[in-house]
């Protein structure tokens, strides 16, 4: 993987995993998308905006903060000891939908600065 081919958070998790793995340290990250209020209350106060955000999410609901916390607890637990250099999307399927419609590919083209 070329580090310019993905988002910074994936590159950071990969770099730390590769550099610190030999010392027995793992690096994982949780990547929530839009989370239920209070963090997004102001943004989601507009029903049209809320629909615009929720509609492309396959589960069609926002992730509750306690589900993000549960994912982080899992990644920090012994149960995830062998997982390193990965990012766990806690997003109701939002990222999967972006890949499906090609938005992700277009995003990568933009950050790479070329058409490949």
C-alpha atoms as a PDB file:
ATOM      1  CA  UNK A   1       0.000   0.000   0.000  1.00  0.00           C
ATOM      2  CA  UNK A   2       1.208   3.461  -0.864  1.00  0.00           C
ATOM      3  CA  UNK A   3       0.333   5.713   2.052  1.00  0.00           C
ATOM      4  CA  UNK A   4      -0.963   8.430  -0.236  1.00  0.00           C
ATOM      5  CA  UNK A   5      -3.660   6.029  -1.447  1.00  0.00           C
ATOM      6  CA  UNK A   6      -5.804   6.259   1.660  1.00  0.00           C
ATOM      7  CA  UNK A   7      -7.011   8.575   4.353  1.00  0.00           C
ATOM      8  CA  UNK A   8      -4.552   9.836   6.945  1.00  0.00           C
ATOM      9  CA  UNK A   9      -6.095   7.822   9.775  1.00  0.00           C
ATOM     10  CA  UNK A  10      -5.523   4.577   7.904  1.00  0.00           C
ATOM     11  CA  UNK A  11      -1.962   5.572   7.103  1.00  0.00           C
ATOM     12  CA  UNK A  12      -1.316   6.488  10.742  1.00  0.00           C
ATOM     13  CA  UNK A  13      -2.657   3.156  12.030  1.00  0.00           C
ATOM     14  CA  UNK A  14      -0.587   1.289   9.449  1.00  0.00           C
ATOM     15  CA  UNK A  15       2.623   3.193  10.160  1.00  0.00           C
ATOM     16  CA  UNK A  16       2.355   2.724  13.920  1.00  0.00           C
ATOM     17  CA  UNK A  17       1.473  -0.961  13.514  1.00  0.00           C
ATOM     18  CA  UNK A  18       4.482  -1.559  11.275  1.00  0.00           C
ATOM     19  CA  UNK A  19       6.946   0.393  13.410  1.00  0.00           C
ATOM     20  CA  UNK A  20       5.790  -0.747  16.862  1.00  0.00           C
ATOM     21  CA  UNK A  21       4.513  -4.245  16.131  1.00  0.00           C
ATOM     22  CA  UNK A  22       7.844  -5.923  16.815  1.00  0.00           C
ATOM     23  CA  UNK A  23       7.714  -4.485  20.331  1.00  0.00           C
ATOM     24  CA  UNK A  24       4.385  -6.177  20.913  1.00  0.00           C
ATOM     25  CA  UNK A  25       2.346  -3.018  20.554  1.00  0.00           C
ATOM     26  CA  UNK A  26      -0.686  -2.999  18.333  1.00  0.00           C
ATOM     27  CA  UNK A  27      -2.415   0.000  16.818  1.00  0.00           C
ATOM     28  CA  UNK A  28      -6.060   0.050  15.900  1.00  0.00           C
ATOM     29  CA  UNK A  29      -8.474   2.890  15.375  1.00  0.00           C
ATOM     30  CA  UNK A  30     -12.224   3.332  15.407  1.00  0.00           C
ATOM     31  CA  UNK A  31     -13.732   5.547  12.727  1.00  0.00           C
ATOM     32  CA  UNK A  32     -17.254   6.675  13.466  1.00  0.00           C
ATOM     33  CA  UNK A  33     -19.180   8.678  10.926  1.00  0.00           C
ATOM     34  CA  UNK A  34     -22.072  10.827  12.088  1.00  0.00           C
ATOM     35  CA  UNK A  35     -22.967  10.029  15.680  1.00  0.00           C
ATOM     36  CA  UNK A  36     -26.227  10.749  17.473  1.00  0.00           C
ATOM     37  CA  UNK A  37     -26.414  13.990  19.481  1.00  0.00           C
ATOM     38  CA  UNK A  38     -25.052  15.687  21.522  1.00  0.00           C
ATOM     39  CA  UNK A  39     -21.994  15.851  19.245  1.00  0.00           C
ATOM     40  CA  UNK A  40     -24.051  16.499  16.122  1.00  0.00           C
ATOM     41  CA  UNK A  41     -27.195  18.050  17.626  1.00  0.00           C
ATOM     42  CA  UNK A  42     -26.705  21.423  15.985  1.00  0.00           C
ATOM     43  CA  UNK A  43     -26.049  19.917  12.564  1.00  0.00           C
ATOM     44  CA  UNK A  44     -28.992  17.535  12.802  1.00  0.00           C
ATOM     45  CA  UNK A  45     -31.495  20.131  14.043  1.00  0.00           C
ATOM     46  CA  UNK A  46     -32.554  20.687  10.430  1.00  0.00           C
ATOM     47  CA  UNK A  47     -34.720  17.687   9.389  1.00  0.00           C
ATOM     48  CA  UNK A  48     -33.710  18.031   5.724  1.00  0.00           C
ATOM     49  CA  UNK A  49     -30.018  17.980   6.643  1.00  0.00           C
ATOM     50  CA  UNK A  50     -30.571  14.987   8.922  1.00  0.00           C
ATOM     51  CA  UNK A  51     -32.273  13.090   6.072  1.00  0.00           C
ATOM     52  CA  UNK A  52     -29.386  13.987   3.751  1.00  0.00           C
ATOM     53  CA  UNK A  53     -26.939  12.489   6.250  1.00  0.00           C
ATOM     54  CA  UNK A  54     -28.952   9.395   7.203  1.00  0.00           C
ATOM     55  CA  UNK A  55     -30.205   8.446   3.709  1.00  0.00           C
ATOM     56  CA  UNK A  56     -26.863   7.142   2.359  1.00  0.00           C
ATOM     57  CA  UNK A  57     -26.329   5.025   5.484  1.00  0.00           C
ATOM     58  CA  UNK A  58     -27.429   1.418   4.824  1.00  0.00           C
ATOM     59  CA  UNK A  59     -28.698   0.966   8.388  1.00  0.00           C
ATOM     60  CA  UNK A  60     -30.624   4.253   8.034  1.00  0.00           C
ATOM     61  CA  UNK A  61     -29.868   5.479  11.543  1.00  0.00           C
ATOM     62  CA  UNK A  62     -27.092   7.360  13.270  1.00  0.00           C
ATOM     63  CA  UNK A  63     -24.616   5.515  15.438  1.00  0.00           C
ATOM     64  CA  UNK A  64     -25.245   5.962  19.166  1.00  0.00           C
ATOM     65  CA  UNK A  65     -22.172   7.111  21.144  1.00  0.00           C
ATOM     66  CA  UNK A  66     -22.293   3.961  23.296  1.00  0.00           C
ATOM     67  CA  UNK A  67     -21.757   1.817  20.172  1.00  0.00           C
ATOM     68  CA  UNK A  68     -18.649   3.802  19.279  1.00  0.00           C
ATOM     69  CA  UNK A  69     -17.453   3.362  22.876  1.00  0.00           C
ATOM     70  CA  UNK A  70     -18.105  -0.396  22.682  1.00  0.00           C
ATOM     71  CA  UNK A  71     -16.003  -0.630  19.507  1.00  0.00           C
ATOM     72  CA  UNK A  72     -13.149   1.262  21.165  1.00  0.00           C
ATOM     73  CA  UNK A  73     -13.356  -1.006  24.226  1.00  0.00           C
ATOM     74  CA  UNK A  74     -13.191  -4.054  21.968  1.00  0.00           C
ATOM     75  CA  UNK A  75     -10.121  -2.706  20.156  1.00  0.00           C
ATOM     76  CA  UNK A  76      -8.449  -2.009  23.498  1.00  0.00           C
ATOM     77  CA  UNK A  77      -9.253  -5.483  24.840  1.00  0.00           C
ATOM     78  CA  UNK A  78      -7.317  -8.736  24.707  1.00  0.00           C
ATOM     79  CA  UNK A  79      -9.958 -10.012  22.268  1.00  0.00           C
ATOM     80  CA  UNK A  80      -8.424  -7.716  19.620  1.00  0.00           C
ATOM     81  CA  UNK A  81      -4.801  -8.490  20.487  1.00  0.00           C
ATOM     82  CA  UNK A  82      -3.986  -9.788  16.997  1.00  0.00           C
ATOM     83  CA  UNK A  83      -5.667  -6.896  15.190  1.00  0.00           C
ATOM     84  CA  UNK A  84      -3.196  -4.180  14.271  1.00  0.00           C
ATOM     85  CA  UNK A  85      -2.925  -1.571  11.577  1.00  0.00           C
ATOM     86  CA  UNK A  86      -6.645  -1.628  10.914  1.00  0.00           C
ATOM     87  CA  UNK A  87      -9.432   0.870  11.277  1.00  0.00           C
ATOM     88  CA  UNK A  88     -12.838  -0.335  12.426  1.00  0.00           C
ATOM     89  CA  UNK A  89     -15.577   1.668  10.739  1.00  0.00           C
ATOM     90  CA  UNK A  90     -18.391   2.259  13.216  1.00  0.00           C
ATOM     91  CA  UNK A  91     -20.609   4.079  10.772  1.00  0.00           C
ATOM     92  CA  UNK A  92     -23.787   2.126  10.072  1.00  0.00           C
ATOM     93  CA  UNK A  93     -22.390   1.141   6.678  1.00  0.00           C
ATOM     94  CA  UNK A  94     -21.778   4.706   5.445  1.00  0.00           C
ATOM     95  CA  UNK A  95     -18.263   3.936   4.202  1.00  0.00           C
ATOM     96  CA  UNK A  96     -19.455   0.812   2.388  1.00  0.00           C
ATOM     97  CA  UNK A  97     -22.133   2.848   0.626  1.00  0.00           C
ATOM     98  CA  UNK A  98     -19.590   5.468  -0.430  1.00  0.00           C
ATOM     99  CA  UNK A  99     -17.498   2.750  -2.041  1.00  0.00           C
ATOM    100  CA  UNK A 100     -20.580   1.354  -3.716  1.00  0.00           C
ATOM    101  CA  UNK A 101     -21.484   4.623  -5.414  1.00  0.00           C
ATOM    102  CA  UNK A 102     -17.947   5.512  -6.362  1.00  0.00           C
ATOM    103  CA  UNK A 103     -17.584   8.478  -4.025  1.00  0.00           C
ATOM    104  CA  UNK A 104     -14.645   6.813  -2.314  1.00  0.00           C
ATOM    105  CA  UNK A 105     -12.822   6.290  -5.599  1.00  0.00           C
ATOM    106  CA  UNK A 106     -13.419   9.916  -6.558  1.00  0.00           C
ATOM    107  CA  UNK A 107     -12.139  11.034  -3.156  1.00  0.00           C
ATOM    108  CA  UNK A 108      -8.944   9.047  -3.648  1.00  0.00           C
ATOM    109  CA  UNK A 109      -8.488  10.583  -7.095  1.00  0.00           C
ATOM    110  CA  UNK A 110      -8.811  14.060  -5.613  1.00  0.00           C
ATOM    111  CA  UNK A 111      -6.281  13.500  -2.842  1.00  0.00           C
ATOM    112  CA  UNK A 112      -3.851  11.772  -5.215  1.00  0.00           C
ATOM    113  CA  UNK A 113      -4.109  14.659  -7.633  1.00  0.00           C
ATOM    114  CA  UNK A 114      -4.460  12.444 -10.689  1.00  0.00           C
ATOM    115  CA  UNK A 115      -6.887  10.212 -12.493  1.00  0.00           C
ATOM    116  CA  UNK A 116      -5.463   6.801 -11.615  1.00  0.00           C
END
